[in-house]
Amino acid sequence: MARNRTKELMMISLDKAIELCLSTLATEGKSPRYIDWLRTRLRFFSAFIRETQGKNFKVQDLTVDDGRDFIRHLMDRKKKYHLICDIICC
């Protein structure tokens, strides 16, 4: 039974997975400030994945190379700190 639930969770969108993760942290009593900080960073990652892989990207499609590509993208940026609106609104 648990295995089927795990499989179902892997088929959700990356954005939905992020929201589930942040909701779980809130129910565990994590600091709202920490959750907001993490939400901002995960939005950068989500925007990068959407830009490079498309909108229909699922959690099961994530690879280590996606993470490496994101880190490389961050390291190659000329402008170190973007406004979150620059990332999300585009």
PDB file of N, CA and C in Angstrom:
ATOM      1  N   MET A   1       0.811  -1.188   0.000  1.00  0.00           N
ATOM      2  CA  MET A   1       0.000   0.000   0.000  1.00  0.00           C
ATOM      3  C   MET A   1       0.866   1.268   0.000  1.00  0.00           C
ATOM      4  N   ALA A   2       1.876   1.300   0.860  1.00  0.00           N
ATOM      5  CA  ALA A   2       2.758   2.463   0.934  1.00  0.00           C
ATOM      6  C   ALA A   2       3.515   2.657  -0.369  1.00  0.00           C
ATOM      7  N   ARG A   3       3.835   1.569  -1.024  1.00  0.00           N
ATOM      8  CA  ARG A   3       4.570   1.654  -2.281  1.00  0.00           C
ATOM      9  C   ARG A   3       3.734   2.354  -3.353  1.00  0.00           C
ATOM     10  N   ASN A   4       2.429   2.045  -3.406  1.00  0.00           N
ATOM     11  CA  ASN A   4       1.551   2.705  -4.363  1.00  0.00           C
ATOM     12  C   ASN A   4       1.454   4.193  -4.079  1.00  0.00           C
ATOM     13  N   ARG A   5       1.418   4.559  -2.800  1.00  0.00           N
ATOM     14  CA  ARG A   5       1.345   5.979  -2.421  1.00  0.00           C
ATOM     15  C   ARG A   5       2.612   6.705  -2.858  1.00  0.00           C
ATOM     16  N   THR A   6       3.753   6.075  -2.682  1.00  0.00           N
ATOM     17  CA  THR A   6       5.016   6.660  -3.111  1.00  0.00           C
ATOM     18  C   THR A   6       5.027   6.847  -4.613  1.00  0.00           C
ATOM     19  N   LYS A   7       4.554   5.857  -5.337  1.00  0.00           N
ATOM     20  CA  LYS A   7       4.502   5.943  -6.796  1.00  0.00           C
ATOM     21  C   LYS A   7       3.587   7.086  -7.240  1.00  0.00           C
ATOM     22  N   GLU A   8       2.443   7.239  -6.561  1.00  0.00           N
ATOM     23  CA  GLU A   8       1.523   8.333  -6.878  1.00  0.00           C
ATOM     24  C   GLU A   8       2.175   9.687  -6.632  1.00  0.00           C
ATOM     25  N   LEU A   9       2.894   9.803  -5.527  1.00  0.00           N
ATOM     26  CA  LEU A   9       3.548  11.071  -5.212  1.00  0.00           C
ATOM     27  C   LEU A   9       4.624  11.423  -6.230  1.00  0.00           C
ATOM     28  N   MET A  10       5.276  10.431  -6.779  1.00  0.00           N
ATOM     29  CA  MET A  10       6.314  10.688  -7.775  1.00  0.00           C
ATOM     30  C   MET A  10       5.732  11.203  -9.086  1.00  0.00           C
ATOM     31  N   MET A  11       4.443  10.994  -9.314  1.00  0.00           N
ATOM     32  CA  MET A  11       3.820  11.406 -10.567  1.00  0.00           C
ATOM     33  C   MET A  11       3.201  12.798 -10.495  1.00  0.00           C
ATOM     34  N   ILE A  12       3.356  13.493  -9.377  1.00  0.00           N
ATOM     35  CA  ILE A  12       2.798  14.833  -9.283  1.00  0.00           C
ATOM     36  C   ILE A  12       3.770  15.852  -9.868  1.00  0.00           C
ATOM     37  N   SER A  13       3.249  17.024 -10.135  1.00  0.00           N
ATOM     38  CA  SER A  13       4.097  18.081 -10.692  1.00  0.00           C
ATOM     39  C   SER A  13       5.107  18.543  -9.640  1.00  0.00           C
ATOM     40  N   LEU A  14       6.169  19.123 -10.118  1.00  0.00           N
ATOM     41  CA  LEU A  14       7.209  19.635  -9.226  1.00  0.00           C
ATOM     42  C   LEU A  14       6.643  20.718  -8.319  1.00  0.00           C
ATOM     43  N   ASP A  15       5.817  21.606  -8.864  1.00  0.00           N
ATOM     44  CA  ASP A  15       5.239  22.682  -8.060  1.00  0.00           C
ATOM     45  C   ASP A  15       4.345  22.126  -6.952  1.00  0.00           C
ATOM     46  N   LYS A  16       3.564  21.115  -7.269  1.00  0.00           N
ATOM     47  CA  LYS A  16       2.702  20.488  -6.267  1.00  0.00           C
ATOM     48  C   LYS A  16       3.552  19.820  -5.181  1.00  0.00           C
ATOM     49  N   ALA A  17       4.627  19.165  -5.577  1.00  0.00           N
ATOM     50  CA  ALA A  17       5.524  18.513  -4.619  1.00  0.00           C
ATOM     51  C   ALA A  17       6.152  19.534  -3.676  1.00  0.00           C
ATOM     52  N   ILE A  18       6.517  20.676  -4.216  1.00  0.00           N
ATOM     53  CA  ILE A  18       7.103  21.735  -3.390  1.00  0.00           C
ATOM     54  C   ILE A  18       6.079  22.217  -2.361  1.00  0.00           C
ATOM     55  N   GLU A  19       4.862  22.448  -2.810  1.00  0.00           N
ATOM     56  CA  GLU A  19       3.822  22.903  -1.877  1.00  0.00           C
ATOM     57  C   GLU A  19       3.533  21.856  -0.798  1.00  0.00           C
ATOM     58  N   LEU A  20       3.504  20.579  -1.169  1.00  0.00           N
ATOM     59  CA  LEU A  20       3.302  19.515  -0.183  1.00  0.00           C
ATOM     60  C   LEU A  20       4.439  19.485   0.834  1.00  0.00           C
ATOM     61  N   CYS A  21       5.646  19.642   0.356  1.00  0.00           N
ATOM     62  CA  CYS A  21       6.817  19.649   1.235  1.00  0.00           C
ATOM     63  C   CYS A  21       6.748  20.815   2.214  1.00  0.00           C
ATOM     64  N   LEU A  22       6.427  22.001   1.710  1.00  0.00           N
ATOM     65  CA  LEU A  22       6.357  23.180   2.571  1.00  0.00           C
ATOM     66  C   LEU A  22       5.212  23.064   3.578  1.00  0.00           C
ATOM     67  N   SER A  23       4.105  22.487   3.156  1.00  0.00           N
ATOM     68  CA  SER A  23       2.976  22.272   4.065  1.00  0.00           C
ATOM     69  C   SER A  23       3.358  21.303   5.182  1.00  0.00           C
ATOM     70  N   THR A  24       4.095  20.268   4.816  1.00  0.00           N
ATOM     71  CA  THR A  24       4.563  19.301   5.810  1.00  0.00           C
ATOM     72  C   THR A  24       5.473  19.975   6.829  1.00  0.00           C
ATOM     73  N   LEU A  25       6.368  20.816   6.356  1.00  0.00           N
ATOM     74  CA  LEU A  25       7.263  21.529   7.276  1.00  0.00           C
ATOM     75  C   LEU A  25       6.464  22.403   8.243  1.00  0.00           C
ATOM     76  N   ALA A  26       5.409  23.032   7.734  1.00  0.00           N
ATOM     77  CA  ALA A  26       4.572  23.878   8.589  1.00  0.00           C
ATOM     78  C   ALA A  26       3.880  23.042   9.664  1.00  0.00           C
ATOM     79  N   THR A  27       3.373  21.882   9.286  1.00  0.00           N
ATOM     80  CA  THR A  27       2.688  21.030  10.271  1.00  0.00           C
ATOM     81  C   THR A  27       3.666  20.441  11.280  1.00  0.00           C
ATOM     82  N   GLU A  28       4.934  20.358  10.909  1.00  0.00           N
ATOM     83  CA  GLU A  28       5.961  19.865  11.828  1.00  0.00           C
ATOM     84  C   GLU A  28       6.461  20.958  12.769  1.00  0.00           C
ATOM     85  N   GLY A  29       5.936  22.165  12.584  1.00  0.00           N
ATOM     86  CA  GLY A  29       6.304  23.255  13.479  1.00  0.00           C
ATOM     87  C   GLY A  29       7.547  24.026  13.085  1.00  0.00           C
ATOM     88  N   LYS A  30       7.984  23.874  11.863  1.00  0.00           N
ATOM     89  CA  LYS A  30       9.154  24.632  11.409  1.00  0.00           C
ATOM     90  C   LYS A  30       8.817  26.117  11.368  1.00  0.00           C
ATOM     91  N   SER A  31       9.811  26.930  11.483  1.00  0.00           N
ATOM     92  CA  SER A  31       9.643  28.375  11.510  1.00  0.00           C
ATOM     93  C   SER A  31       9.035  28.888  10.200  1.00  0.00           C
ATOM     94  N   PRO A  32       8.025  29.761  10.282  1.00  0.00           N
ATOM     95  CA  PRO A  32       7.460  30.350   9.064  1.00  0.00           C
ATOM     96  C   PRO A  32       8.515  31.102   8.250  1.00  0.00           C
ATOM     97  N   ARG A  33       9.456  31.692   8.937  1.00  0.00           N
ATOM     98  CA  ARG A  33      10.538  32.411   8.248  1.00  0.00           C
ATOM     99  C   ARG A  33      11.399  31.444   7.426  1.00  0.00           C
ATOM    100  N   TYR A  34      11.717  30.306   8.009  1.00  0.00           N
ATOM    101  CA  TYR A  34      12.480  29.280   7.293  1.00  0.00           C
ATOM    102  C   TYR A  34      11.689  28.760   6.092  1.00  0.00           C
ATOM    103  N   ILE A  35      10.405  28.523   6.284  1.00  0.00           N
ATOM    104  CA  ILE A  35       9.561  28.009   5.199  1.00  0.00           C
ATOM    105  C   ILE A  35       9.499  29.022   4.054  1.00  0.00           C
ATOM    106  N   ASP A  36       9.370  30.307   4.377  1.00  0.00           N
ATOM    107  CA  ASP A  36       9.359  31.340   3.333  1.00  0.00           C
ATOM    108  C   ASP A  36      10.697  31.392   2.597  1.00  0.00           C
ATOM    109  N   TRP A  37      11.784  31.278   3.354  1.00  0.00           N
ATOM    110  CA  TRP A  37      13.117  31.272   2.755  1.00  0.00           C
ATOM    111  C   TRP A  37      13.257  30.103   1.775  1.00  0.00           C
ATOM    112  N   LEU A  38      12.826  28.930   2.230  1.00  0.00           N
ATOM    113  CA  LEU A  38      12.911  27.733   1.397  1.00  0.00           C
ATOM    114  C   LEU A  38      12.000  27.845   0.177  1.00  0.00           C
ATOM    115  N   ARG A  39      10.800  28.394   0.359  1.00  0.00           N
ATOM    116  CA  ARG A  39       9.859  28.581  -0.749  1.00  0.00           C
ATOM    117  C   ARG A  39      10.503  29.431  -1.851  1.00  0.00           C
ATOM    118  N   THR A  40      11.175  30.491  -1.455  1.00  0.00           N
ATOM    119  CA  THR A  40      11.834  31.363  -2.429  1.00  0.00           C
ATOM    120  C   THR A  40      12.891  30.604  -3.218  1.00  0.00           C
ATOM    121  N   ARG A  41      13.712  29.841  -2.550  1.00  0.00           N
ATOM    122  CA  ARG A  41      14.772  29.087  -3.239  1.00  0.00           C
ATOM    123  C   ARG A  41      14.194  28.008  -4.141  1.00  0.00           C
ATOM    124  N   LEU A  42      13.156  27.341  -3.670  1.00  0.00           N
ATOM    125  CA  LEU A  42      12.537  26.288  -4.487  1.00  0.00           C
ATOM    126  C   LEU A  42      11.812  26.872  -5.705  1.00  0.00           C
ATOM    127  N   ARG A  43      11.336  28.094  -5.594  1.00  0.00           N
ATOM    128  CA  ARG A  43      10.731  28.754  -6.761  1.00  0.00           C
ATOM    129  C   ARG A  43      11.768  29.007  -7.842  1.00  0.00           C
ATOM    130  N   PHE A  44      12.977  29.376  -7.427  1.00  0.00           N
ATOM    131  CA  PHE A  44      14.053  29.540  -8.405  1.00  0.00           C
ATOM    132  C   PHE A  44      14.314  28.217  -9.135  1.00  0.00           C
ATOM    133  N   PHE A  45      14.392  27.136  -8.370  1.00  0.00           N
ATOM    134  CA  PHE A  45      14.622  25.821  -8.965  1.00  0.00           C
ATOM    135  C   PHE A  45      13.466  25.429  -9.875  1.00  0.00           C
ATOM    136  N   SER A  46      12.239  25.627  -9.411  1.00  0.00           N
ATOM    137  CA  SER A  46      11.059  25.281 -10.196  1.00  0.00           C
ATOM    138  C   SER A  46      11.012  26.080 -11.497  1.00  0.00           C
ATOM    139  N   ALA A  47      11.327  27.364 -11.415  1.00  0.00           N
ATOM    140  CA  ALA A  47      11.343  28.201 -12.622  1.00  0.00           C
ATOM    141  C   ALA A  47      12.411  27.715 -13.602  1.00  0.00           C
ATOM    142  N   PHE A  48      13.561  27.338 -13.080  1.00  0.00           N
ATOM    143  CA  PHE A  48      14.634  26.815 -13.935  1.00  0.00           C
ATOM    144  C   PHE A  48      14.192  25.530 -14.634  1.00  0.00           C
ATOM    145  N   ILE A  49      13.573  24.628 -13.892  1.00  0.00           N
ATOM    146  CA  ILE A  49      13.109  23.366 -14.466  1.00  0.00           C
ATOM    147  C   ILE A  49      12.034  23.625 -15.518  1.00  0.00           C
ATOM    148  N   ARG A  50      11.102  24.521 -15.218  1.00  0.00           N
ATOM    149  CA  ARG A  50      10.052  24.861 -16.174  1.00  0.00           C
ATOM    150  C   ARG A  50      10.648  25.426 -17.467  1.00  0.00           C
ATOM    151  N   GLU A  51      11.659  26.259 -17.303  1.00  0.00           N
ATOM    152  CA  GLU A  51      12.321  26.895 -18.449  1.00  0.00           C
ATOM    153  C   GLU A  51      13.093  25.878 -19.292  1.00  0.00           C
ATOM    154  N   THR A  52      13.734  24.930 -18.639  1.00  0.00           N
ATOM    155  CA  THR A  52      14.587  23.985 -19.362  1.00  0.00           C
ATOM    156  C   THR A  52      13.882  22.688 -19.753  1.00  0.00           C
ATOM    157  N   GLN A  53      12.878  22.284 -18.977  1.00  0.00           N
ATOM    158  CA  GLN A  53      12.245  20.982 -19.207  1.00  0.00           C
ATOM    159  C   GLN A  53      10.782  21.065 -19.631  1.00  0.00           C
ATOM    160  N   GLY A  54      10.171  22.222 -19.472  1.00  0.00           N
ATOM    161  CA  GLY A  54       8.761  22.366 -19.842  1.00  0.00           C
ATOM    162  C   GLY A  54       7.844  22.375 -18.640  1.00  0.00           C
ATOM    163  N   LYS A  55       6.595  22.732 -18.887  1.00  0.00           N
ATOM    164  CA  LYS A  55       5.625  22.913 -17.802  1.00  0.00           C
ATOM    165  C   LYS A  55       5.092  21.609 -17.231  1.00  0.00           C
ATOM    166  N   ASN A  56       5.091  20.539 -17.988  1.00  0.00           N
ATOM    167  CA  ASN A  56       4.492  19.281 -17.543  1.00  0.00           C
ATOM    168  C   ASN A  56       5.488  18.362 -16.844  1.00  0.00           C
ATOM    169  N   PHE A  57       6.498  18.926 -16.256  1.00  0.00           N
ATOM    170  CA  PHE A  57       7.563  18.174 -15.609  1.00  0.00           C
ATOM    171  C   PHE A  57       7.064  17.555 -14.307  1.00  0.00           C
ATOM    172  N   LYS A  58       7.316  16.286 -14.109  1.00  0.00           N
ATOM    173  CA  LYS A  58       6.893  15.553 -12.912  1.00  0.00           C
ATOM    174  C   LYS A  58       8.100  15.249 -12.021  1.00  0.00           C
ATOM    175  N   VAL A  59       7.838  15.013 -10.768  1.00  0.00           N
ATOM    176  CA  VAL A  59       8.902  14.695  -9.814  1.00  0.00           C
ATOM    177  C   VAL A  59       9.683  13.471 -10.272  1.00  0.00           C
ATOM    178  N   GLN A  60       8.990  12.479 -10.821  1.00  0.00           N
ATOM    179  CA  GLN A  60       9.663  11.253 -11.265  1.00  0.00           C
ATOM    180  C   GLN A  60      10.663  11.515 -12.391  1.00  0.00           C
ATOM    181  N   ASP A  61      10.552  12.654 -13.061  1.00  0.00           N
ATOM    182  CA  ASP A  61      11.450  12.988 -14.158  1.00  0.00           C
ATOM    183  C   ASP A  61      12.752  13.641 -13.692  1.00  0.00           C
ATOM    184  N   LEU A  62      12.823  14.030 -12.423  1.00  0.00           N
ATOM    185  CA  LEU A  62      14.029  14.679 -11.902  1.00  0.00           C
ATOM    186  C   LEU A  62      15.223  13.736 -11.922  1.00  0.00           C
ATOM    187  N   THR A  63      16.351  14.285 -12.275  1.00  0.00           N
ATOM    188  CA  THR A  63      17.596  13.518 -12.253  1.00  0.00           C
ATOM    189  C   THR A  63      18.666  14.320 -11.514  1.00  0.00           C
ATOM    190  N   VAL A  64      19.739  13.662 -11.195  1.00  0.00           N
ATOM    191  CA  VAL A  64      20.880  14.343 -10.586  1.00  0.00           C
ATOM    192  C   VAL A  64      21.409  15.404 -11.539  1.00  0.00           C
ATOM    193  N   ASP A  65      21.375  15.114 -12.827  1.00  0.00           N
ATOM    194  CA  ASP A  65      21.853  16.088 -13.815  1.00  0.00           C
ATOM    195  C   ASP A  65      21.021  17.365 -13.800  1.00  0.00           C
ATOM    196  N   ASP A  66      19.724  17.272 -13.517  1.00  0.00           N
ATOM    197  CA  ASP A  66      18.895  18.473 -13.400  1.00  0.00           C
ATOM    198  C   ASP A  66      19.408  19.347 -12.264  1.00  0.00           C
ATOM    199  N   GLY A  67      19.740  18.725 -11.140  1.00  0.00           N
ATOM    200  CA  GLY A  67      20.295  19.461 -10.014  1.00  0.00           C
ATOM    201  C   GLY A  67      21.635  20.079 -10.346  1.00  0.00           C
ATOM    202  N   ARG A  68      22.468  19.326 -11.017  1.00  0.00           N
ATOM    203  CA  ARG A  68      23.788  19.843 -11.420  1.00  0.00           C
ATOM    204  C   ARG A  68      23.649  21.004 -12.401  1.00  0.00           C
ATOM    205  N   ASP A  69      22.728  20.870 -13.338  1.00  0.00           N
ATOM    206  CA  ASP A  69      22.501  21.944 -14.304  1.00  0.00           C
ATOM    207  C   ASP A  69      22.033  23.217 -13.607  1.00  0.00           C
ATOM    208  N   PHE A  70      21.182  23.054 -12.594  1.00  0.00           N
ATOM    209  CA  PHE A  70      20.695  24.211 -11.845  1.00  0.00           C
ATOM    210  C   PHE A  70      21.846  24.885 -11.099  1.00  0.00           C
ATOM    211  N   ILE A  71      22.676  24.104 -10.438  1.00  0.00           N
ATOM    212  CA  ILE A  71      23.829  24.661  -9.719  1.00  0.00           C
ATOM    213  C   ILE A  71      24.759  25.377 -10.697  1.00  0.00           C
ATOM    214  N   ARG A  72      25.001  24.773 -11.845  1.00  0.00           N
ATOM    215  CA  ARG A  72      25.846  25.398 -12.869  1.00  0.00           C
ATOM    216  C   ARG A  72      25.233  26.717 -13.321  1.00  0.00           C
ATOM    217  N   HIS A  73      23.911  26.710 -13.515  1.00  0.00           N
ATOM    218  CA  HIS A  73      23.194  27.925 -13.909  1.00  0.00           C
ATOM    219  C   HIS A  73      23.387  29.026 -12.863  1.00  0.00           C
ATOM    220  N   LEU A  74      23.265  28.666 -11.596  1.00  0.00           N
ATOM    221  CA  LEU A  74      23.451  29.657 -10.530  1.00  0.00           C
ATOM    222  C   LEU A  74      24.875  30.204 -10.508  1.00  0.00           C
ATOM    223  N   MET A  75      25.841  29.350 -10.713  1.00  0.00           N
ATOM    224  CA  MET A  75      27.242  29.763 -10.673  1.00  0.00           C
ATOM    225  C   MET A  75      27.624  30.631 -11.869  1.00  0.00           C
ATOM    226  N   ASP A  76      26.962  30.436 -13.005  1.00  0.00           N
ATOM    227  CA  ASP A  76      27.289  31.174 -14.222  1.00  0.00           C
ATOM    228  C   ASP A  76      26.603  32.538 -14.322  1.00  0.00           C
ATOM    229  N   ARG A  77      25.662  32.803 -13.442  1.00  0.00           N
ATOM    230  CA  ARG A  77      24.923  34.069 -13.530  1.00  0.00           C
ATOM    231  C   ARG A  77      25.835  35.258 -13.279  1.00  0.00           C
ATOM    232  N   LYS A  78      25.596  36.313 -14.025  1.00  0.00           N
ATOM    233  CA  LYS A  78      26.322  37.565 -13.804  1.00  0.00           C
ATOM    234  C   LYS A  78      25.666  38.331 -12.652  1.00  0.00           C
ATOM    235  N   LYS A  79      24.344  38.371 -12.676  1.00  0.00           N
ATOM    236  CA  LYS A  79      23.580  39.036 -11.626  1.00  0.00           C
ATOM    237  C   LYS A  79      23.283  37.994 -10.552  1.00  0.00           C
ATOM    238  N   LYS A  80      23.861  38.164  -9.398  1.00  0.00           N
ATOM    239  CA  LYS A  80      23.777  37.135  -8.360  1.00  0.00           C
ATOM    240  C   LYS A  80      22.402  37.025  -7.720  1.00  0.00           C
ATOM    241  N   TYR A  81      21.749  38.152  -7.511  1.00  0.00           N
ATOM    242  CA  TYR A  81      20.469  38.120  -6.824  1.00  0.00           C
ATOM    243  C   TYR A  81      19.392  38.735  -7.698  1.00  0.00           C
ATOM    244  N   HIS A  82      18.480  37.904  -8.148  1.00  0.00           N
ATOM    245  CA  HIS A  82      17.362  38.353  -8.956  1.00  0.00           C
ATOM    246  C   HIS A  82      16.165  38.546  -8.042  1.00  0.00           C
ATOM    247  N   LEU A  83      15.321  39.468  -8.416  1.00  0.00           N
ATOM    248  CA  LEU A  83      14.040  39.558  -7.715  1.00  0.00           C
ATOM    249  C   LEU A  83      13.240  38.334  -8.065  1.00  0.00           C
ATOM    250  N   ILE A  84      12.498  37.807  -7.138  1.00  0.00           N
ATOM    251  CA  ILE A  84      11.707  36.605  -7.387  1.00  0.00           C
ATOM    252  C   ILE A  84      10.717  36.850  -8.517  1.00  0.00           C
ATOM    253  N   CYS A  85      10.237  38.075  -8.659  1.00  0.00           N
ATOM    254  CA  CYS A  85       9.292  38.398  -9.731  1.00  0.00           C
ATOM    255  C   CYS A  85       9.962  38.210 -11.089  1.00  0.00           C
ATOM    256  N   ASP A  86      11.260  38.509 -11.194  1.00  0.00           N
ATOM    257  CA  ASP A  86      11.974  38.290 -12.456  1.00  0.00           C
ATOM    258  C   ASP A  86      11.917  36.848 -12.879  1.00  0.00           C
ATOM    259  N   ILE A  87      11.931  35.938 -11.940  1.00  0.00           N
ATOM    260  CA  ILE A  87      11.939  34.510 -12.231  1.00  0.00           C
ATOM    261  C   ILE A  87      10.525  33.998 -12.487  1.00  0.00           C
ATOM    262  N   ILE A  88       9.597  34.336 -11.622  1.00  0.00           N
ATOM    263  CA  ILE A  88       8.259  33.758 -11.681  1.00  0.00           C
ATOM    264  C   ILE A  88       7.390  34.392 -12.765  1.00  0.00           C
ATOM    265  N   CYS A  89       7.506  35.689 -12.946  1.00  0.00           N
ATOM    266  CA  CYS A  89       6.601  36.391 -13.851  1.00  0.00           C
ATOM    267  C   CYS A  89       6.946  36.188 -15.325  1.00  0.00           C
ATOM    268  N   CYS A  90       8.094  35.684 -15.611  1.00  0.00           N
ATOM    269  CA  CYS A  90       8.522  35.526 -17.018  1.00  0.00           C
ATOM    270  C   CYS A  90       7.847  34.357 -17.698  1.00  0.00           C
TER     271      CYS A  90
END
